[in-house]
PDB file of all heavy atoms in Angstrom:
ATOM      1  N   LEU A   1      17.730   5.733  -7.646  1.00  0.00           N
ATOM      2  CA  LEU A   1      18.155   4.492  -8.280  1.00  0.00           C
ATOM      3  C   LEU A   1      17.903   4.555  -9.776  1.00  0.00           C
ATOM      4  O   LEU A   1      16.985   5.235 -10.236  1.00  0.00           O
ATOM      5  CB  LEU A   1      17.390   3.296  -7.684  1.00  0.00           C
ATOM      6  CG  LEU A   1      17.544   3.041  -6.176  1.00  0.00           C
ATOM      7  CD1 LEU A   1      16.814   1.767  -5.794  1.00  0.00           C
ATOM      8  CD2 LEU A   1      18.997   2.977  -5.763  1.00  0.00           C
ATOM      9  N   ASP A   2      18.726   3.799 -10.541  1.00  0.00           N
ATOM     10  CA  ASP A   2      18.445   3.744 -11.977  1.00  0.00           C
ATOM     11  C   ASP A   2      17.261   2.805 -12.224  1.00  0.00           C
ATOM     12  O   ASP A   2      16.830   2.063 -11.328  1.00  0.00           O
ATOM     13  CB  ASP A   2      19.689   3.307 -12.760  1.00  0.00           C
ATOM     14  CG  ASP A   2      20.175   1.913 -12.368  1.00  0.00           C
ATOM     15  OD1 ASP A   2      19.359   0.961 -12.345  1.00  0.00           O
ATOM     16  OD2 ASP A   2      21.382   1.763 -12.086  1.00  0.00           O
ATOM     17  N   GLN A   3      16.742   2.836 -13.439  1.00  0.00           N
ATOM     18  CA  GLN A   3      15.520   2.092 -13.754  1.00  0.00           C
ATOM     19  C   GLN A   3      15.675   0.592 -13.478  1.00  0.00           C
ATOM     20  O   GLN A   3      14.789  -0.033 -12.903  1.00  0.00           O
ATOM     21  CB  GLN A   3      15.168   2.312 -15.236  1.00  0.00           C
ATOM     22  CG  GLN A   3      14.715   3.704 -15.583  1.00  0.00           C
ATOM     23  CD  GLN A   3      13.274   3.970 -15.190  1.00  0.00           C
ATOM     24  OE1 GLN A   3      12.487   3.044 -14.948  1.00  0.00           O
ATOM     25  NE2 GLN A   3      12.911   5.246 -15.104  1.00  0.00           N
ATOM     26  N   HIS A   4      16.806   0.016 -13.902  1.00  0.00           N
ATOM     27  CA  HIS A   4      16.995  -1.424 -13.750  1.00  0.00           C
ATOM     28  C   HIS A   4      17.069  -1.830 -12.284  1.00  0.00           C
ATOM     29  O   HIS A   4      16.405  -2.784 -11.851  1.00  0.00           O
ATOM     30  CB  HIS A   4      18.274  -1.855 -14.479  1.00  0.00           C
ATOM     31  CG  HIS A   4      18.572  -3.318 -14.338  1.00  0.00           C
ATOM     32  ND1 HIS A   4      17.778  -4.311 -14.894  1.00  0.00           N
ATOM     33  CD2 HIS A   4      19.587  -3.960 -13.689  1.00  0.00           C
ATOM     34  CE1 HIS A   4      18.281  -5.492 -14.593  1.00  0.00           C
ATOM     35  NE2 HIS A   4      19.381  -5.306 -13.869  1.00  0.00           N
ATOM     36  N   LEU A   5      17.891  -1.107 -11.515  1.00  0.00           N
ATOM     37  CA  LEU A   5      18.043  -1.441 -10.101  1.00  0.00           C
ATOM     38  C   LEU A   5      16.739  -1.194  -9.346  1.00  0.00           C
ATOM     39  O   LEU A   5      16.357  -1.984  -8.467  1.00  0.00           O
ATOM     40  CB  LEU A   5      19.175  -0.610  -9.486  1.00  0.00           C
ATOM     41  CG  LEU A   5      19.477  -0.873  -8.006  1.00  0.00           C
ATOM     42  CD1 LEU A   5      19.787  -2.342  -7.751  1.00  0.00           C
ATOM     43  CD2 LEU A   5      20.624   0.012  -7.530  1.00  0.00           C
ATOM     44  N   ALA A   6      16.043  -0.101  -9.660  1.00  0.00           N
ATOM     45  CA  ALA A   6      14.763   0.190  -9.008  1.00  0.00           C
ATOM     46  C   ALA A   6      13.759  -0.926  -9.257  1.00  0.00           C
ATOM     47  O   ALA A   6      13.004  -1.319  -8.355  1.00  0.00           O
ATOM     48  CB  ALA A   6      14.216   1.519  -9.505  1.00  0.00           C
ATOM     49  N   HIS A   7      13.761  -1.459 -10.486  1.00  0.00           N
ATOM     50  CA  HIS A   7      12.851  -2.564 -10.811  1.00  0.00           C
ATOM     51  C   HIS A   7      13.213  -3.815  -9.999  1.00  0.00           C
ATOM     52  O   HIS A   7      12.321  -4.502  -9.487  1.00  0.00           O
ATOM     53  CB  HIS A   7      12.912  -2.872 -12.306  1.00  0.00           C
ATOM     54  CG  HIS A   7      11.980  -3.954 -12.732  1.00  0.00           C
ATOM     55  ND1 HIS A   7      10.633  -3.737 -12.925  1.00  0.00           N
ATOM     56  CD2 HIS A   7      12.191  -5.276 -12.971  1.00  0.00           C
ATOM     57  CE1 HIS A   7      10.047  -4.869 -13.280  1.00  0.00           C
ATOM     58  NE2 HIS A   7      10.981  -5.825 -13.313  1.00  0.00           N
ATOM     59  N   GLN A   8      14.501  -4.094  -9.879  1.00  0.00           N
ATOM     60  CA  GLN A   8      14.931  -5.247  -9.099  1.00  0.00           C
ATOM     61  C   GLN A   8      14.532  -5.112  -7.632  1.00  0.00           C
ATOM     62  O   GLN A   8      14.020  -6.062  -7.017  1.00  0.00           O
ATOM     63  CB  GLN A   8      16.453  -5.405  -9.192  1.00  0.00           C
ATOM     64  CG  GLN A   8      16.953  -5.966 -10.502  1.00  0.00           C
ATOM     65  CD  GLN A   8      18.446  -6.196 -10.448  1.00  0.00           C
ATOM     66  OE1 GLN A   8      19.213  -5.320 -10.050  1.00  0.00           O
ATOM     67  NE2 GLN A   8      18.881  -7.396 -10.835  1.00  0.00           N
ATOM     68  N   VAL A   9      14.790  -3.954  -7.070  1.00  0.00           N
ATOM     69  CA  VAL A   9      14.470  -3.715  -5.660  1.00  0.00           C
ATOM     70  C   VAL A   9      12.969  -3.847  -5.423  1.00  0.00           C
ATOM     71  O   VAL A   9      12.519  -4.519  -4.492  1.00  0.00           O
ATOM     72  CB  VAL A   9      14.968  -2.319  -5.219  1.00  0.00           C
ATOM     73  CG1 VAL A   9      14.447  -1.988  -3.821  1.00  0.00           C
ATOM     74  CG2 VAL A   9      16.487  -2.270  -5.239  1.00  0.00           C
ATOM     75  N   ALA A  10      12.186  -3.190  -6.266  1.00  0.00           N
ATOM     76  CA  ALA A  10      10.733  -3.239  -6.105  1.00  0.00           C
ATOM     77  C   ALA A  10      10.212  -4.668  -6.245  1.00  0.00           C
ATOM     78  O   ALA A  10       9.355  -5.110  -5.476  1.00  0.00           O
ATOM     79  CB  ALA A  10      10.066  -2.332  -7.131  1.00  0.00           C
ATOM     80  N   THR A  11      10.759  -5.435  -7.212  1.00  0.00           N
ATOM     81  CA  THR A  11      10.317  -6.809  -7.432  1.00  0.00           C
ATOM     82  C   THR A  11      10.628  -7.680  -6.231  1.00  0.00           C
ATOM     83  O   THR A  11       9.778  -8.451  -5.755  1.00  0.00           O
ATOM     84  CB  THR A  11      11.002  -7.391  -8.684  1.00  0.00           C
ATOM     85  OG1 THR A  11      10.650  -6.596  -9.818  1.00  0.00           O
ATOM     86  CG2 THR A  11      10.547  -8.828  -8.927  1.00  0.00           C
ATOM     87  N   GLN A  12      11.838  -7.548  -5.693  1.00  0.00           N
ATOM     88  CA  GLN A  12      12.229  -8.391  -4.557  1.00  0.00           C
ATOM     89  C   GLN A  12      11.468  -8.022  -3.286  1.00  0.00           C
ATOM     90  O   GLN A  12      11.054  -8.906  -2.519  1.00  0.00           O
ATOM     91  CB  GLN A  12      13.733  -8.276  -4.336  1.00  0.00           C
ATOM     92  CG  GLN A  12      14.554  -8.917  -5.447  1.00  0.00           C
ATOM     93  CD  GLN A  12      16.050  -8.857  -5.177  1.00  0.00           C
ATOM     94  OE1 GLN A  12      16.482  -8.877  -4.025  1.00  0.00           O
ATOM     95  NE2 GLN A  12      16.836  -8.771  -6.237  1.00  0.00           N
ATOM     96  N   LEU A  13      11.277  -6.721  -3.060  1.00  0.00           N
ATOM     97  CA  LEU A  13      10.538  -6.314  -1.859  1.00  0.00           C
ATOM     98  C   LEU A  13       9.074  -6.745  -1.930  1.00  0.00           C
ATOM     99  O   LEU A  13       8.492  -7.194  -0.937  1.00  0.00           O
ATOM    100  CB  LEU A  13      10.629  -4.801  -1.679  1.00  0.00           C
ATOM    101  CG  LEU A  13      11.996  -4.258  -1.228  1.00  0.00           C
ATOM    102  CD1 LEU A  13      11.950  -2.737  -1.150  1.00  0.00           C
ATOM    103  CD2 LEU A  13      12.387  -4.841   0.129  1.00  0.00           C
ATOM    104  N   MET A  14       8.478  -6.631  -3.122  1.00  0.00           N
ATOM    105  CA  MET A  14       7.081  -7.040  -3.255  1.00  0.00           C
ATOM    106  C   MET A  14       6.929  -8.550  -3.168  1.00  0.00           C
ATOM    107  O   MET A  14       5.899  -9.051  -2.707  1.00  0.00           O
ATOM    108  CB  MET A  14       6.495  -6.505  -4.559  1.00  0.00           C
ATOM    109  CG  MET A  14       6.220  -5.017  -4.533  1.00  0.00           C
ATOM    110  SD  MET A  14       5.349  -4.416  -6.005  1.00  0.00           S
ATOM    111  CE  MET A  14       3.773  -5.272  -5.842  1.00  0.00           C
ATOM    112  N   ALA A  15       7.964  -9.286  -3.585  1.00  0.00           N
ATOM    113  CA  ALA A  15       7.913 -10.739  -3.465  1.00  0.00           C
ATOM    114  C   ALA A  15       7.913 -11.178  -2.001  1.00  0.00           C
ATOM    115  O   ALA A  15       7.287 -12.164  -1.623  1.00  0.00           O
ATOM    116  CB  ALA A  15       9.096 -11.366  -4.202  1.00  0.00           C
ATOM    117  N   LYS A  16       8.607 -10.422  -1.177  1.00  0.00           N
ATOM    118  CA  LYS A  16       8.681 -10.765   0.247  1.00  0.00           C
ATOM    119  C   LYS A  16       7.481 -10.245   1.017  1.00  0.00           C
ATOM    120  O   LYS A  16       6.858 -10.974   1.793  1.00  0.00           O
ATOM    121  CB  LYS A  16       9.966 -10.193   0.851  1.00  0.00           C
ATOM    122  CG  LYS A  16      10.124 -10.522   2.322  1.00  0.00           C
ATOM    123  CD  LYS A  16      11.423  -9.971   2.884  1.00  0.00           C
ATOM    124  CE  LYS A  16      11.580 -10.333   4.353  1.00  0.00           C
ATOM    125  NZ  LYS A  16      12.834  -9.788   4.921  1.00  0.00           N
ATOM    126  N   ASP A  17       7.151  -8.952   0.833  1.00  0.00           N
ATOM    127  CA  ASP A  17       6.043  -8.338   1.570  1.00  0.00           C
ATOM    128  C   ASP A  17       5.563  -7.114   0.792  1.00  0.00           C
ATOM    129  O   ASP A  17       5.998  -5.987   1.056  1.00  0.00           O
ATOM    130  CB  ASP A  17       6.491  -7.941   2.974  1.00  0.00           C
ATOM    131  CG  ASP A  17       5.369  -7.334   3.813  1.00  0.00           C
ATOM    132  OD1 ASP A  17       4.207  -7.350   3.349  1.00  0.00           O
ATOM    133  OD2 ASP A  17       5.655  -6.830   4.926  1.00  0.00           O
ATOM    134  N   ALA A  18       4.678  -7.350  -0.144  1.00  0.00           N
ATOM    135  CA  ALA A  18       4.224  -6.269  -1.017  1.00  0.00           C
ATOM    136  C   ALA A  18       3.514  -5.168  -0.236  1.00  0.00           C
ATOM    137  O   ALA A  18       3.776  -3.974  -0.436  1.00  0.00           O
ATOM    138  CB  ALA A  18       3.299  -6.822  -2.102  1.00  0.00           C
ATOM    139  N   LEU A  19       2.620  -5.556   0.656  1.00  0.00           N
ATOM    140  CA  LEU A  19       1.871  -4.565   1.408  1.00  0.00           C
ATOM    141  C   LEU A  19       2.785  -3.765   2.329  1.00  0.00           C
ATOM    142  O   LEU A  19       2.654  -2.542   2.462  1.00  0.00           O
ATOM    143  CB  LEU A  19       0.758  -5.240   2.224  1.00  0.00           C
ATOM    144  CG  LEU A  19      -0.146  -4.298   3.024  1.00  0.00           C
ATOM    145  CD1 LEU A  19      -0.864  -3.327   2.086  1.00  0.00           C
ATOM    146  CD2 LEU A  19      -1.162  -5.096   3.848  1.00  0.00           C
ATOM    147  N   GLY A  20       3.736  -4.453   2.963  1.00  0.00           N
ATOM    148  CA  GLY A  20       4.681  -3.752   3.829  1.00  0.00           C
ATOM    149  C   GLY A  20       5.532  -2.758   3.078  1.00  0.00           C
ATOM    150  O   GLY A  20       5.777  -1.641   3.542  1.00  0.00           O
ATOM    151  N   ALA A  21       5.970  -3.143   1.873  1.00  0.00           N
ATOM    152  CA  ALA A  21       6.798  -2.251   1.070  1.00  0.00           C
ATOM    153  C   ALA A  21       6.029  -1.008   0.646  1.00  0.00           C
ATOM    154  O   ALA A  21       6.538   0.118   0.735  1.00  0.00           O
ATOM    155  CB  ALA A  21       7.308  -2.991  -0.177  1.00  0.00           C
ATOM    156  N   HIS A  22       4.780  -1.184   0.226  1.00  0.00           N
ATOM    157  CA  HIS A  22       3.978  -0.040  -0.206  1.00  0.00           C
ATOM    158  C   HIS A  22       3.556   0.825   1.001  1.00  0.00           C
ATOM    159  O   HIS A  22       3.500   2.050   0.893  1.00  0.00           O
ATOM    160  CB  HIS A  22       2.755  -0.520  -0.982  1.00  0.00           C
ATOM    161  CG  HIS A  22       3.048  -0.830  -2.405  1.00  0.00           C
ATOM    162  ND1 HIS A  22       2.948   0.102  -3.416  1.00  0.00           N
ATOM    163  CD2 HIS A  22       3.481  -1.980  -2.986  1.00  0.00           C
ATOM    164  CE1 HIS A  22       3.286  -0.463  -4.568  1.00  0.00           C
ATOM    165  NE2 HIS A  22       3.621  -1.727  -4.332  1.00  0.00           N
ATOM    166  N   SER A  23       3.247   0.188   2.120  1.00  0.00           N
ATOM    167  CA  SER A  23       2.870   0.955   3.312  1.00  0.00           C
ATOM    168  C   SER A  23       4.018   1.841   3.763  1.00  0.00           C
ATOM    169  O   SER A  23       3.824   3.014   4.092  1.00  0.00           O
ATOM    170  CB  SER A  23       2.479   0.003   4.454  1.00  0.00           C
ATOM    171  OG  SER A  23       1.342  -0.749   4.113  1.00  0.00           O
ATOM    172  N   ARG A  24       5.202   1.289   3.728  1.00  0.00           N
ATOM    173  CA  ARG A  24       6.379   2.025   4.196  1.00  0.00           C
ATOM    174  C   ARG A  24       6.826   3.087   3.205  1.00  0.00           C
ATOM    175  O   ARG A  24       7.052   4.239   3.564  1.00  0.00           O
ATOM    176  CB  ARG A  24       7.515   1.032   4.469  1.00  0.00           C
ATOM    177  CG  ARG A  24       8.812   1.676   4.947  1.00  0.00           C
ATOM    178  CD  ARG A  24       9.887   0.613   5.168  1.00  0.00           C
ATOM    179  NE  ARG A  24      10.203  -0.117   3.950  1.00  0.00           N
ATOM    180  CZ  ARG A  24       9.840  -1.375   3.710  1.00  0.00           C
ATOM    181  NH1 ARG A  24       9.123  -2.041   4.609  1.00  0.00           N
ATOM    182  NH2 ARG A  24      10.171  -1.960   2.572  1.00  0.00           N
ATOM    183  N   ASP A  25       6.968   2.700   1.921  1.00  0.00           N
ATOM    184  CA  ASP A  25       7.604   3.590   0.961  1.00  0.00           C
ATOM    185  C   ASP A  25       6.635   4.462   0.176  1.00  0.00           C
ATOM    186  O   ASP A  25       7.026   5.519  -0.326  1.00  0.00           O
ATOM    187  CB  ASP A  25       8.460   2.776  -0.008  1.00  0.00           C
ATOM    188  CG  ASP A  25       9.636   2.113   0.691  1.00  0.00           C
ATOM    189  OD1 ASP A  25      10.188   2.745   1.603  1.00  0.00           O
ATOM    190  OD2 ASP A  25       9.986   0.977   0.333  1.00  0.00           O
ATOM    191  N   GLU A  26       5.384   4.041   0.062  1.00  0.00           N
ATOM    192  CA  GLU A  26       4.405   4.858  -0.643  1.00  0.00           C
ATOM    193  C   GLU A  26       3.572   5.694   0.329  1.00  0.00           C
ATOM    194  O   GLU A  26       3.349   6.897   0.115  1.00  0.00           O
ATOM    195  CB  GLU A  26       3.477   3.985  -1.482  1.00  0.00           C
ATOM    196  CG  GLU A  26       2.444   4.772  -2.271  1.00  0.00           C
ATOM    197  CD  GLU A  26       1.485   3.891  -3.044  1.00  0.00           C
ATOM    198  OE1 GLU A  26       1.731   2.665  -3.157  1.00  0.00           O
ATOM    199  OE2 GLU A  26       0.462   4.423  -3.523  1.00  0.00           O
ATOM    200  N   LEU A  27       3.124   5.060   1.419  1.00  0.00           N
ATOM    201  CA  LEU A  27       2.250   5.754   2.369  1.00  0.00           C
ATOM    202  C   LEU A  27       3.010   6.394   3.515  1.00  0.00           C
ATOM    203  O   LEU A  27       2.473   7.254   4.214  1.00  0.00           O
ATOM    204  CB  LEU A  27       1.211   4.769   2.937  1.00  0.00           C
ATOM    205  CG  LEU A  27       0.337   4.045   1.910  1.00  0.00           C
ATOM    206  CD1 LEU A  27      -0.599   3.066   2.615  1.00  0.00           C
ATOM    207  CD2 LEU A  27      -0.456   5.046   1.093  1.00  0.00           C
ATOM    208  N   GLY A  28       4.248   5.963   3.749  1.00  0.00           N
ATOM    209  CA  GLY A  28       5.029   6.514   4.863  1.00  0.00           C
ATOM    210  C   GLY A  28       4.604   5.990   6.216  1.00  0.00           C
ATOM    211  O   GLY A  28       4.830   6.636   7.242  1.00  0.00           O
ATOM    212  N   ILE A  29       4.001   4.806   6.236  1.00  0.00           N
ATOM    213  CA  ILE A  29       3.550   4.199   7.494  1.00  0.00           C
ATOM    214  C   ILE A  29       4.497   3.062   7.850  1.00  0.00           C
ATOM    215  O   ILE A  29       4.670   2.119   7.075  1.00  0.00           O
ATOM    216  CB  ILE A  29       2.117   3.644   7.361  1.00  0.00           C
ATOM    217  CG1 ILE A  29       1.143   4.771   7.013  1.00  0.00           C
ATOM    218  CG2 ILE A  29       1.688   2.961   8.650  1.00  0.00           C
ATOM    219  CD1 ILE A  29      -0.261   4.279   6.689  1.00  0.00           C
ATOM    220  N   SER A  30       5.119   3.157   9.018  1.00  0.00           N
ATOM    221  CA  SER A  30       6.012   2.094   9.484  1.00  0.00           C
ATOM    222  C   SER A  30       5.630   1.694  10.893  1.00  0.00           C
ATOM    223  O   SER A  30       4.883   2.396  11.577  1.00  0.00           O
ATOM    224  CB  SER A  30       7.468   2.562   9.462  1.00  0.00           C
ATOM    225  OG  SER A  30       7.675   3.593  10.405  1.00  0.00           O
ATOM    226  N   GLU A  31       6.154   0.577  11.324  1.00  0.00           N
ATOM    227  CA  GLU A  31       5.848   0.088  12.671  1.00  0.00           C
ATOM    228  C   GLU A  31       6.329   1.062  13.732  1.00  0.00           C
ATOM    229  O   GLU A  31       5.692   1.257  14.760  1.00  0.00           O
ATOM    230  CB  GLU A  31       6.488  -1.281  12.881  1.00  0.00           C
ATOM    231  CG  GLU A  31       6.142  -1.914  14.230  1.00  0.00           C
ATOM    232  CD  GLU A  31       6.782  -3.292  14.407  1.00  0.00           C
ATOM    233  OE1 GLU A  31       7.356  -3.802  13.424  1.00  0.00           O
ATOM    234  OE2 GLU A  31       6.710  -3.828  15.519  1.00  0.00           O
TER     235      GLU A  31
END
């Protein structure tokens, strides 16, 4: 993703579920 879109995606995902977003995309842990 480009910088602007990546910032939008990260902001919206963290607004909804920050821990879930980081667990899934940073740590690779999913349900």
